Amino acid sequence: MDRSRFATLSLVAFGLVLAGFVTMGFSRLVLPYRTARLLAAPALLGAAALVVGLFGQAVLVFAGVREFE
């Protein structure tokens, strides 16, 4: 993985977190809290999975197992 792809995926993760919070916030204006959480969950879970994957990549690079290209 090269540095620009890592940075791009980091920004995508940040965007997914932001989209999840915005979705939940605007949904709570017109829908019950539980429904708003259900609407925001896919974006937040996707962001969490992406962050875990990126963290794993960073640990492997730090340990010297993988390299940034």
C-alpha atoms as a PDB file:
ATOM      1  CA  MET A   1       0.000   0.000   0.000  1.00  0.00           C
ATOM      2  CA  ASP A   2       1.384   3.402  -0.865  1.00  0.00           C
ATOM      3  CA  ARG A   3       1.165   6.498   1.281  1.00  0.00           C
ATOM      4  CA  SER A   4      -1.362   8.300  -0.893  1.00  0.00           C
ATOM      5  CA  ARG A   5      -3.776   5.345  -0.761  1.00  0.00           C
ATOM      6  CA  PHE A   6      -3.388   5.142   3.012  1.00  0.00           C
ATOM      7  CA  ALA A   7      -4.114   8.863   3.336  1.00  0.00           C
ATOM      8  CA  THR A   8      -7.104   8.579   0.993  1.00  0.00           C
ATOM      9  CA  LEU A   9      -8.563   5.684   2.971  1.00  0.00           C
ATOM     10  CA  SER A  10      -8.037   7.650   6.181  1.00  0.00           C
ATOM     11  CA  LEU A  11     -10.010  10.540   4.732  1.00  0.00           C
ATOM     12  CA  VAL A  12     -12.736   8.141   3.585  1.00  0.00           C
ATOM     13  CA  ALA A  13     -12.973   6.777   7.135  1.00  0.00           C
ATOM     14  CA  PHE A  14     -13.271  10.317   8.489  1.00  0.00           C
ATOM     15  CA  GLY A  15     -15.955  11.078   5.891  1.00  0.00           C
ATOM     16  CA  LEU A  16     -17.910   7.962   6.873  1.00  0.00           C
ATOM     17  CA  VAL A  17     -17.818   8.960  10.538  1.00  0.00           C
ATOM     18  CA  LEU A  18     -18.981  12.440   9.622  1.00  0.00           C
ATOM     19  CA  ALA A  19     -21.734  11.048   7.381  1.00  0.00           C
ATOM     20  CA  GLY A  20     -22.900   8.740  10.166  1.00  0.00           C
ATOM     21  CA  PHE A  21     -23.169  11.569  12.671  1.00  0.00           C
ATOM     22  CA  VAL A  22     -24.903  13.882  10.207  1.00  0.00           C
ATOM     23  CA  THR A  23     -27.337  11.118   9.233  1.00  0.00           C
ATOM     24  CA  MET A  24     -28.115  10.413  12.861  1.00  0.00           C
ATOM     25  CA  GLY A  25     -28.494  14.080  13.721  1.00  0.00           C
ATOM     26  CA  PHE A  26     -30.863  14.932  10.893  1.00  0.00           C
ATOM     27  CA  SER A  27     -32.787  11.681  11.267  1.00  0.00           C
ATOM     28  CA  ARG A  28     -33.460  12.422  14.926  1.00  0.00           C
ATOM     29  CA  LEU A  29     -35.332  15.553  13.869  1.00  0.00           C
ATOM     30  CA  VAL A  30     -38.091  13.546  12.203  1.00  0.00           C
ATOM     31  CA  LEU A  31     -37.640   9.933  13.322  1.00  0.00           C
ATOM     32  CA  PRO A  32     -37.393   8.177  16.677  1.00  0.00           C
ATOM     33  CA  TYR A  33     -33.927   7.720  18.195  1.00  0.00           C
ATOM     34  CA  ARG A  34     -33.792   3.984  17.524  1.00  0.00           C
ATOM     35  CA  THR A  35     -34.606   4.421  13.834  1.00  0.00           C
ATOM     36  CA  ALA A  36     -32.019   7.192  13.524  1.00  0.00           C
ATOM     37  CA  ARG A  37     -29.386   4.879  15.010  1.00  0.00           C
ATOM     38  CA  LEU A  38     -30.331   2.149  12.551  1.00  0.00           C
ATOM     39  CA  LEU A  39     -29.923   4.561   9.640  1.00  0.00           C
ATOM     40  CA  ALA A  40     -26.519   5.783  10.834  1.00  0.00           C
ATOM     41  CA  ALA A  41     -25.152   2.354  11.781  1.00  0.00           C
ATOM     42  CA  PRO A  42     -23.892   1.203   8.334  1.00  0.00           C
ATOM     43  CA  ALA A  43     -21.724   4.292   7.853  1.00  0.00           C
ATOM     44  CA  LEU A  44     -20.327   4.112  11.375  1.00  0.00           C
ATOM     45  CA  LEU A  45     -19.632   0.375  11.159  1.00  0.00           C
ATOM     46  CA  GLY A  46     -17.941   0.836   7.788  1.00  0.00           C
ATOM     47  CA  ALA A  47     -15.776   3.577   9.247  1.00  0.00           C
ATOM     48  CA  ALA A  48     -14.884   1.411  12.247  1.00  0.00           C
ATOM     49  CA  ALA A  49     -13.906  -1.502  10.005  1.00  0.00           C
ATOM     50  CA  LEU A  50     -11.815   0.788   7.825  1.00  0.00           C
ATOM     51  CA  VAL A  51     -10.043   2.291  10.849  1.00  0.00           C
ATOM     52  CA  VAL A  52      -9.265  -1.182  12.218  1.00  0.00           C
ATOM     53  CA  GLY A  53      -7.835  -2.217   8.848  1.00  0.00           C
ATOM     54  CA  LEU A  54      -5.749   0.934   8.561  1.00  0.00           C
ATOM     55  CA  PHE A  55      -4.483   0.502  12.106  1.00  0.00           C
ATOM     56  CA  GLY A  56      -3.451  -3.044  11.269  1.00  0.00           C
ATOM     57  CA  GLN A  57      -1.582  -1.796   8.202  1.00  0.00           C
ATOM     58  CA  ALA A  58       0.172   0.871  10.280  1.00  0.00           C
ATOM     59  CA  VAL A  59       1.241  -1.688  12.878  1.00  0.00           C
ATOM     60  CA  LEU A  60       2.618  -4.001  10.174  1.00  0.00           C
ATOM     61  CA  VAL A  61       4.570  -1.127   8.629  1.00  0.00           C
ATOM     62  CA  PHE A  62       5.907  -0.088  12.037  1.00  0.00           C
ATOM     63  CA  ALA A  63       6.960  -3.661  12.807  1.00  0.00           C
ATOM     64  CA  GLY A  64       8.767  -3.897   9.466  1.00  0.00           C
ATOM     65  CA  VAL A  65       6.609  -6.707   8.088  1.00  0.00           C
ATOM     66  CA  ARG A  66       5.242  -4.532   5.286  1.00  0.00           C
ATOM     67  CA  GLU A  67       6.492  -1.406   3.577  1.00  0.00           C
ATOM     68  CA  PHE A  68       4.905   1.684   2.170  1.00  0.00           C
ATOM     69  CA  GLU A  69       5.629   1.872  -1.523  1.00  0.00           C
END
